[in-house]
């Protein structure tokens, strides 16, 4: 075996990163919270499906919106060229006055 003390050095370096609160109430509350989570009633099949459905639906909606925007930009390349954008004037109305920018 090698004389490498990697794990011992890692433990010594990580000792300062440990969470060791000085307050005794935290030491009593933490195990109580863990026990409550472990002893909690298991989810039914419908509750499990409901908890997974929302994040999946949101993810699929985001992908669909991104795909729709991508297809819209891909199908109409003339709208996204810099020449078209530079040649088109912008009509700005401020306080009843109309200004044309770009021509």
N, C-alpha and C. Protein backbone atom coordinates (compact mmCIF):
# COMPACT_ATOMS: atom_id res chain seq x y z
N UNK A 1 0.84 -1.18 0.00
CA UNK A 1 0.00 0.00 0.00
C UNK A 1 0.88 1.24 0.00
N UNK A 2 0.32 2.28 -0.46
CA UNK A 2 1.08 3.53 -0.50
C UNK A 2 0.96 4.25 0.84
N UNK A 3 1.85 5.16 1.04
CA UNK A 3 1.87 5.96 2.26
C UNK A 3 1.14 7.28 2.07
N UNK A 4 0.30 7.35 1.06
CA UNK A 4 -0.41 8.60 0.75
C UNK A 4 -1.47 8.84 1.81
N UNK A 5 -1.46 10.02 2.38
CA UNK A 5 -2.41 10.39 3.42
C UNK A 5 -3.48 11.33 2.86
N UNK A 6 -3.95 11.04 1.67
CA UNK A 6 -4.89 11.95 1.00
C UNK A 6 -6.17 12.12 1.81
N UNK A 7 -6.77 11.01 2.23
CA UNK A 7 -8.04 11.11 2.95
C UNK A 7 -7.88 11.82 4.29
N UNK A 8 -6.78 11.59 4.98
CA UNK A 8 -6.56 12.28 6.25
C UNK A 8 -6.39 13.78 6.02
N UNK A 9 -5.63 14.14 4.99
CA UNK A 9 -5.46 15.56 4.69
C UNK A 9 -6.78 16.20 4.27
N UNK A 10 -7.58 15.46 3.50
CA UNK A 10 -8.88 15.97 3.07
C UNK A 10 -9.79 16.21 4.28
N UNK A 11 -9.80 15.30 5.22
CA UNK A 11 -10.60 15.47 6.44
C UNK A 11 -10.13 16.67 7.25
N UNK A 12 -8.84 16.84 7.36
CA UNK A 12 -8.29 17.97 8.11
C UNK A 12 -8.63 19.30 7.44
N UNK A 13 -8.57 19.32 6.12
CA UNK A 13 -8.89 20.55 5.39
C UNK A 13 -10.39 20.86 5.46
N UNK A 14 -11.21 19.83 5.47
CA UNK A 14 -12.66 20.03 5.47
C UNK A 14 -13.21 20.30 6.86
N UNK A 15 -12.40 20.14 7.89
CA UNK A 15 -12.87 20.34 9.26
C UNK A 15 -13.40 21.77 9.46
N UNK A 16 -12.77 22.74 8.83
CA UNK A 16 -13.23 24.13 8.99
C UNK A 16 -14.54 24.39 8.25
N UNK A 17 -14.92 23.53 7.33
CA UNK A 17 -16.15 23.72 6.57
C UNK A 17 -17.36 23.07 7.21
N UNK A 18 -17.16 22.29 8.24
CA UNK A 18 -18.28 21.62 8.89
C UNK A 18 -19.21 22.62 9.56
N UNK A 19 -20.49 22.28 9.55
CA UNK A 19 -21.49 23.11 10.21
C UNK A 19 -21.69 22.55 11.62
N UNK A 20 -21.13 23.23 12.58
CA UNK A 20 -21.27 22.83 13.97
C UNK A 20 -21.77 24.02 14.78
N UNK A 21 -23.09 24.20 14.86
CA UNK A 21 -23.62 25.36 15.58
C UNK A 21 -23.37 25.24 17.07
N UNK A 22 -23.23 26.38 17.70
CA UNK A 22 -22.98 26.43 19.14
C UNK A 22 -24.28 26.40 19.95
N UNK A 23 -25.40 26.69 19.28
CA UNK A 23 -26.69 26.77 19.97
C UNK A 23 -27.26 25.36 20.16
N UNK A 24 -27.64 25.03 21.38
CA UNK A 24 -28.18 23.70 21.68
C UNK A 24 -29.57 23.48 21.09
N UNK A 25 -30.33 24.55 20.89
CA UNK A 25 -31.67 24.37 20.33
C UNK A 25 -31.61 23.87 18.89
N UNK A 26 -30.59 24.27 18.17
CA UNK A 26 -30.46 23.77 16.80
C UNK A 26 -30.18 22.28 16.80
N UNK A 27 -29.39 21.80 17.77
CA UNK A 27 -29.08 20.38 17.85
C UNK A 27 -30.31 19.56 18.23
N UNK A 28 -31.28 20.16 18.90
CA UNK A 28 -32.50 19.41 19.21
C UNK A 28 -33.52 19.52 18.09
N UNK A 29 -33.55 20.65 17.39
CA UNK A 29 -34.52 20.82 16.31
C UNK A 29 -34.15 20.03 15.07
N UNK A 30 -32.87 19.95 14.77
CA UNK A 30 -32.43 19.26 13.56
C UNK A 30 -32.82 17.78 13.55
N UNK A 31 -32.53 17.01 14.60
CA UNK A 31 -32.99 15.61 14.60
C UNK A 31 -34.51 15.49 14.59
N UNK A 32 -35.21 16.43 15.23
CA UNK A 32 -36.67 16.38 15.22
C UNK A 32 -37.21 16.57 13.82
N UNK A 33 -36.61 17.50 13.07
CA UNK A 33 -37.05 17.70 11.69
C UNK A 33 -36.76 16.49 10.82
N UNK A 34 -35.60 15.88 11.04
CA UNK A 34 -35.26 14.68 10.26
C UNK A 34 -36.21 13.55 10.58
N UNK A 35 -36.50 13.33 11.87
CA UNK A 35 -37.44 12.28 12.25
C UNK A 35 -38.83 12.54 11.67
N UNK A 36 -39.27 13.79 11.68
CA UNK A 36 -40.60 14.12 11.14
C UNK A 36 -40.66 13.83 9.65
N UNK A 37 -39.60 14.13 8.91
CA UNK A 37 -39.59 13.86 7.47
C UNK A 37 -39.56 12.37 7.18
N UNK A 38 -38.83 11.61 8.02
CA UNK A 38 -38.75 10.17 7.81
C UNK A 38 -40.07 9.50 8.15
N UNK A 39 -40.72 9.95 9.21
CA UNK A 39 -41.97 9.33 9.65
C UNK A 39 -43.20 9.87 8.92
N UNK A 40 -43.03 10.80 8.01
CA UNK A 40 -44.17 11.38 7.29
C UNK A 40 -44.84 10.30 6.45
N UNK A 41 -46.12 10.51 6.21
CA UNK A 41 -46.89 9.56 5.42
C UNK A 41 -46.34 9.53 3.99
N UNK A 42 -46.22 8.36 3.42
CA UNK A 42 -45.74 8.29 2.03
C UNK A 42 -46.79 8.87 1.07
N UNK A 43 -46.29 9.38 -0.03
CA UNK A 43 -47.18 9.97 -1.02
C UNK A 43 -47.98 8.89 -1.72
N UNK A 44 -49.21 9.24 -2.04
CA UNK A 44 -50.00 8.33 -2.86
C UNK A 44 -49.56 8.49 -4.31
N UNK A 45 -50.05 7.62 -5.15
CA UNK A 45 -49.66 7.68 -6.56
C UNK A 45 -50.12 8.99 -7.21
N UNK A 46 -51.31 9.44 -6.87
CA UNK A 46 -51.81 10.68 -7.45
C UNK A 46 -51.02 11.88 -6.96
N UNK A 47 -50.61 11.90 -5.69
CA UNK A 47 -49.79 12.99 -5.18
C UNK A 47 -48.41 13.00 -5.82
N UNK A 48 -47.86 11.82 -6.03
CA UNK A 48 -46.55 11.73 -6.68
C UNK A 48 -46.62 12.23 -8.12
N UNK A 49 -47.65 11.83 -8.84
CA UNK A 49 -47.81 12.31 -10.22
C UNK A 49 -48.05 13.81 -10.27
N UNK A 50 -48.83 14.33 -9.33
CA UNK A 50 -49.09 15.77 -9.31
C UNK A 50 -47.83 16.56 -8.99
N UNK A 51 -46.98 16.04 -8.12
CA UNK A 51 -45.74 16.75 -7.80
C UNK A 51 -44.75 16.74 -8.95
N UNK A 52 -44.82 15.74 -9.81
CA UNK A 52 -43.93 15.68 -10.97
C UNK A 52 -44.52 16.37 -12.19
N UNK A 53 -45.83 16.49 -12.27
CA UNK A 53 -46.45 17.02 -13.48
C UNK A 53 -46.14 18.50 -13.70
N UNK A 54 -46.19 19.30 -12.66
CA UNK A 54 -45.97 20.74 -12.84
C UNK A 54 -44.59 21.07 -13.38
N UNK A 55 -43.50 20.56 -12.80
CA UNK A 55 -42.19 20.90 -13.36
C UNK A 55 -42.00 20.38 -14.79
N UNK A 56 -42.53 19.21 -15.07
CA UNK A 56 -42.40 18.67 -16.43
C UNK A 56 -43.21 19.52 -17.41
N UNK A 57 -44.41 19.92 -17.02
CA UNK A 57 -45.23 20.76 -17.89
C UNK A 57 -44.56 22.11 -18.15
N UNK A 58 -43.97 22.70 -17.13
CA UNK A 58 -43.29 23.98 -17.31
C UNK A 58 -42.08 23.83 -18.22
N UNK A 59 -41.33 22.75 -18.05
CA UNK A 59 -40.16 22.52 -18.90
C UNK A 59 -40.57 22.32 -20.36
N UNK A 60 -41.59 21.53 -20.58
CA UNK A 60 -42.04 21.31 -21.96
C UNK A 60 -42.61 22.59 -22.58
N UNK A 61 -43.27 23.41 -21.77
CA UNK A 61 -43.77 24.68 -22.27
C UNK A 61 -42.62 25.60 -22.67
N UNK A 62 -41.58 25.64 -21.86
CA UNK A 62 -40.41 26.47 -22.18
C UNK A 62 -39.74 26.00 -23.46
N UNK A 63 -39.63 24.69 -23.64
CA UNK A 63 -39.04 24.15 -24.87
C UNK A 63 -39.92 24.49 -26.07
N UNK A 64 -41.23 24.40 -25.92
CA UNK A 64 -42.13 24.71 -27.03
C UNK A 64 -42.06 26.19 -27.40
N UNK A 65 -41.97 27.08 -26.41
CA UNK A 65 -41.86 28.51 -26.69
C UNK A 65 -40.54 28.81 -27.39
N UNK A 66 -39.46 28.19 -26.92
CA UNK A 66 -38.16 28.41 -27.56
C UNK A 66 -38.16 27.88 -28.99
N UNK A 67 -38.78 26.74 -29.22
CA UNK A 67 -38.85 26.19 -30.57
C UNK A 67 -39.71 27.06 -31.48
N UNK A 68 -40.79 27.59 -30.96
CA UNK A 68 -41.65 28.47 -31.76
C UNK A 68 -40.91 29.74 -32.15
N UNK A 69 -40.20 30.33 -31.22
CA UNK A 69 -39.44 31.54 -31.53
C UNK A 69 -38.33 31.23 -32.52
N UNK A 70 -37.65 30.10 -32.33
CA UNK A 70 -36.60 29.71 -33.26
C UNK A 70 -37.12 29.47 -34.66
N UNK A 71 -38.25 28.79 -34.78
CA UNK A 71 -38.82 28.55 -36.10
C UNK A 71 -39.30 29.84 -36.75
N UNK A 72 -39.86 30.74 -35.96
CA UNK A 72 -40.32 32.01 -36.51
C UNK A 72 -39.15 32.82 -37.05
N UNK A 73 -38.04 32.81 -36.34
CA UNK A 73 -36.87 33.53 -36.82
C UNK A 73 -36.20 32.83 -37.99
N UNK A 74 -36.25 31.50 -38.00
CA UNK A 74 -35.64 30.73 -39.09
C UNK A 74 -36.45 30.85 -40.38
N UNK A 75 -37.76 30.87 -40.28
CA UNK A 75 -38.62 30.92 -41.46
C UNK A 75 -38.67 32.29 -42.10
N UNK A 76 -38.37 33.34 -41.36
CA UNK A 76 -38.42 34.69 -41.90
C UNK A 76 -37.05 35.36 -41.77
N UNK A 77 -36.06 34.92 -42.57
CA UNK A 77 -34.73 35.49 -42.42
C UNK A 77 -34.64 36.93 -42.91
N UNK A 78 -35.56 37.35 -43.78
CA UNK A 78 -35.49 38.72 -44.28
C UNK A 78 -35.80 39.74 -43.18
N UNK A 79 -36.52 39.31 -42.14
CA UNK A 79 -36.84 40.23 -41.05
C UNK A 79 -35.66 40.42 -40.10
N UNK A 80 -34.73 39.49 -40.13
CA UNK A 80 -33.65 39.56 -39.16
C UNK A 80 -32.33 40.04 -39.76
N UNK A 81 -32.29 40.35 -41.07
CA UNK A 81 -31.03 40.80 -41.64
C UNK A 81 -30.77 42.24 -41.20
N UNK A 82 -29.51 42.57 -41.12
CA UNK A 82 -29.15 43.91 -40.67
C UNK A 82 -29.49 44.97 -41.71
N UNK A 83 -29.46 44.59 -42.99
CA UNK A 83 -29.83 45.56 -44.03
C UNK A 83 -31.29 45.96 -43.90
N UNK A 84 -32.15 45.00 -43.64
CA UNK A 84 -33.57 45.29 -43.48
C UNK A 84 -33.81 46.14 -42.24
N UNK A 85 -33.13 45.80 -41.17
CA UNK A 85 -33.30 46.56 -39.94
C UNK A 85 -32.76 47.98 -40.08
N UNK A 86 -31.66 48.14 -40.83
CA UNK A 86 -31.06 49.46 -40.99
C UNK A 86 -31.88 50.34 -41.93
N UNK A 87 -32.52 49.74 -42.92
CA UNK A 87 -33.27 50.54 -43.89
C UNK A 87 -34.65 50.94 -43.38
N UNK A 88 -35.17 50.21 -42.41
CA UNK A 88 -36.50 50.51 -41.90
C UNK A 88 -36.42 51.66 -40.90
N UNK A 89 -37.28 52.62 -41.06
CA UNK A 89 -37.33 53.74 -40.14
C UNK A 89 -38.20 53.41 -38.94
N UNK A 90 -37.95 54.09 -37.86
CA UNK A 90 -38.71 53.87 -36.64
C UNK A 90 -39.48 55.15 -36.35
N UNK A 91 -40.78 55.00 -36.17
CA UNK A 91 -41.64 56.15 -35.91
C UNK A 91 -41.89 56.23 -34.41
N UNK A 92 -41.42 57.30 -33.79
CA UNK A 92 -41.55 57.49 -32.34
C UNK A 92 -42.48 58.66 -32.09
N UNK A 93 -43.45 58.45 -31.19
CA UNK A 93 -44.37 59.52 -30.83
C UNK A 93 -44.19 59.85 -29.35
N UNK A 94 -43.85 61.13 -29.10
CA UNK A 94 -43.65 61.59 -27.73
C UNK A 94 -44.47 62.86 -27.54
N UNK A 95 -45.38 62.81 -26.59
CA UNK A 95 -46.18 63.97 -26.21
C UNK A 95 -46.91 64.58 -27.41
N UNK A 96 -47.42 63.72 -28.28
CA UNK A 96 -48.18 64.22 -29.44
C UNK A 96 -47.34 64.54 -30.64
N UNK A 97 -46.01 64.64 -30.50
CA UNK A 97 -45.12 64.89 -31.64
C UNK A 97 -44.64 63.56 -32.20
N UNK A 98 -44.51 63.49 -33.51
CA UNK A 98 -44.07 62.28 -34.18
C UNK A 98 -42.68 62.51 -34.77
N UNK A 99 -41.76 61.56 -34.48
CA UNK A 99 -40.40 61.64 -34.98
C UNK A 99 -40.10 60.39 -35.77
N UNK A 100 -39.39 60.52 -36.89
CA UNK A 100 -38.98 59.39 -37.70
C UNK A 100 -37.48 59.23 -37.57
N UNK A 101 -37.06 58.10 -37.07
CA UNK A 101 -35.63 57.82 -36.84
C UNK A 101 -35.20 56.74 -37.80
N UNK A 102 -34.09 56.97 -38.49
CA UNK A 102 -33.54 55.92 -39.35
C UNK A 102 -33.59 56.27 -40.82
N UNK A 103 -34.32 57.26 -41.23
CA UNK A 103 -34.34 57.64 -42.65
C UNK A 103 -33.59 58.93 -42.86
